[in-house]
Amino acid sequence: MHIGVIGVGGVGGYFDDTLPARFFQDSTDSFARGIDRQEFRKAQKDYYLYRGWTEEGVPTETKLSQLGLELD
């Protein structure tokens, strides 16, 4: 099976795989602290690597091969 991958050149993947801006801001009533953006990005990269993807969120050739897929 052949697939095309979106996620190269800033379209999809790491750049679009985020949370709404409000999740990174403290609440107005001080009830909740916003998520630290740097911690989020580190956790995101760790997740990608765990899944067999690049740090940019694109499946590696090795992962695609394991799944029986070929990159176009």
C-alpha atoms as a PDB file:
ATOM      1  CA  MET A   1       0.000   0.000   0.000  1.00  0.00           C
ATOM      2  CA  HIS A   2       1.302   3.473  -0.867  1.00  0.00           C
ATOM      3  CA  ILE A   3       0.563   6.577   1.162  1.00  0.00           C
ATOM      4  CA  GLY A   4       1.343  10.289   1.013  1.00  0.00           C
ATOM      5  CA  VAL A   5       2.316  12.059   4.221  1.00  0.00           C
ATOM      6  CA  ILE A   6       1.142  15.519   5.176  1.00  0.00           C
ATOM      7  CA  GLY A   7       3.422  17.138   7.705  1.00  0.00           C
ATOM      8  CA  VAL A   8       6.360  18.359   5.697  1.00  0.00           C
ATOM      9  CA  GLY A   9       7.080  22.062   5.268  1.00  0.00           C
ATOM     10  CA  GLY A  10       4.857  23.309   8.073  1.00  0.00           C
ATOM     11  CA  VAL A  11       1.627  21.681   6.905  1.00  0.00           C
ATOM     12  CA  GLY A  12       0.240  19.282   9.472  1.00  0.00           C
ATOM     13  CA  GLY A  13       2.374  17.343  11.922  1.00  0.00           C
ATOM     14  CA  TYR A  14       4.217  19.233  14.647  1.00  0.00           C
ATOM     15  CA  PHE A  15       3.128  22.700  13.558  1.00  0.00           C
ATOM     16  CA  ASP A  16      -0.590  21.969  13.588  1.00  0.00           C
ATOM     17  CA  ASP A  17      -0.600  19.353  16.352  1.00  0.00           C
ATOM     18  CA  THR A  18      -1.215  21.647  19.307  1.00  0.00           C
ATOM     19  CA  LEU A  19      -3.846  22.839  21.732  1.00  0.00           C
ATOM     20  CA  PRO A  20      -5.956  26.009  21.638  1.00  0.00           C
ATOM     21  CA  ALA A  21      -4.107  29.083  22.960  1.00  0.00           C
ATOM     22  CA  ARG A  22      -6.351  29.252  26.040  1.00  0.00           C
ATOM     23  CA  PHE A  23      -4.872  25.976  27.340  1.00  0.00           C
ATOM     24  CA  PHE A  24      -1.504  27.724  27.725  1.00  0.00           C
ATOM     25  CA  GLN A  25      -2.925  30.673  29.690  1.00  0.00           C
ATOM     26  CA  ASP A  26      -3.743  30.880  33.380  1.00  0.00           C
ATOM     27  CA  SER A  27      -7.463  31.122  34.093  1.00  0.00           C
ATOM     28  CA  THR A  28      -8.817  34.580  34.861  1.00  0.00           C
ATOM     29  CA  ASP A  29     -10.010  33.480  38.315  1.00  0.00           C
ATOM     30  CA  SER A  30      -6.629  31.888  39.184  1.00  0.00           C
ATOM     31  CA  PHE A  31      -8.382  28.523  39.482  1.00  0.00           C
ATOM     32  CA  ALA A  32      -6.125  26.750  36.982  1.00  0.00           C
ATOM     33  CA  ARG A  33      -2.600  27.278  35.745  1.00  0.00           C
ATOM     34  CA  GLY A  34      -1.972  27.138  32.013  1.00  0.00           C
ATOM     35  CA  ILE A  35       0.139  24.421  30.443  1.00  0.00           C
ATOM     36  CA  ASP A  36       3.797  25.365  29.993  1.00  0.00           C
ATOM     37  CA  ARG A  37       4.339  25.533  26.221  1.00  0.00           C
ATOM     38  CA  GLN A  38       7.936  24.237  26.397  1.00  0.00           C
ATOM     39  CA  GLU A  39       6.892  21.276  28.547  1.00  0.00           C
ATOM     40  CA  PHE A  40       4.065  20.553  26.111  1.00  0.00           C
ATOM     41  CA  ARG A  41       6.430  20.566  23.111  1.00  0.00           C
ATOM     42  CA  LYS A  42       8.900  18.269  24.913  1.00  0.00           C
ATOM     43  CA  ALA A  43       6.102  15.833  25.792  1.00  0.00           C
ATOM     44  CA  GLN A  44       4.882  16.052  22.196  1.00  0.00           C
ATOM     45  CA  LYS A  45       8.333  15.195  20.799  1.00  0.00           C
ATOM     46  CA  ASP A  46       8.684  12.327  23.294  1.00  0.00           C
ATOM     47  CA  TYR A  47       5.292  10.983  22.178  1.00  0.00           C
ATOM     48  CA  TYR A  48       6.244  11.201  18.505  1.00  0.00           C
ATOM     49  CA  LEU A  49       9.489   9.293  19.122  1.00  0.00           C
ATOM     50  CA  TYR A  50       7.607   6.669  21.172  1.00  0.00           C
ATOM     51  CA  ARG A  51       5.224   6.149  18.230  1.00  0.00           C
ATOM     52  CA  GLY A  52       8.099   5.737  15.755  1.00  0.00           C
ATOM     53  CA  TRP A  53       7.727   9.173  14.189  1.00  0.00           C
ATOM     54  CA  THR A  54      10.204  12.002  13.660  1.00  0.00           C
ATOM     55  CA  GLU A  55      10.291  14.940  16.084  1.00  0.00           C
ATOM     56  CA  GLU A  56       8.135  16.769  13.527  1.00  0.00           C
ATOM     57  CA  GLY A  57       5.347  14.193  13.811  1.00  0.00           C
ATOM     58  CA  VAL A  58       5.950  12.340  10.548  1.00  0.00           C
ATOM     59  CA  PRO A  59       6.089   8.522  10.537  1.00  0.00           C
ATOM     60  CA  THR A  60       9.605   7.241   9.855  1.00  0.00           C
ATOM     61  CA  GLU A  61      10.322   4.908   6.951  1.00  0.00           C
ATOM     62  CA  THR A  62      10.993   2.170   9.514  1.00  0.00           C
ATOM     63  CA  LYS A  63       7.553   2.661  11.106  1.00  0.00           C
ATOM     64  CA  LEU A  64       5.820   2.709   7.728  1.00  0.00           C
ATOM     65  CA  SER A  65       7.610  -0.507   6.775  1.00  0.00           C
ATOM     66  CA  GLN A  66       6.503  -2.141  10.045  1.00  0.00           C
ATOM     67  CA  LEU A  67       2.936  -1.241   9.119  1.00  0.00           C
ATOM     68  CA  GLY A  68       3.305  -2.597   5.592  1.00  0.00           C
ATOM     69  CA  LEU A  69       3.100   0.865   4.027  1.00  0.00           C
ATOM     70  CA  GLU A  70       5.321   2.592   1.485  1.00  0.00           C
ATOM     71  CA  LEU A  71       5.933   6.314   1.298  1.00  0.00           C
ATOM     72  CA  ASP A  72       5.135   7.935  -2.065  1.00  0.00           C
END
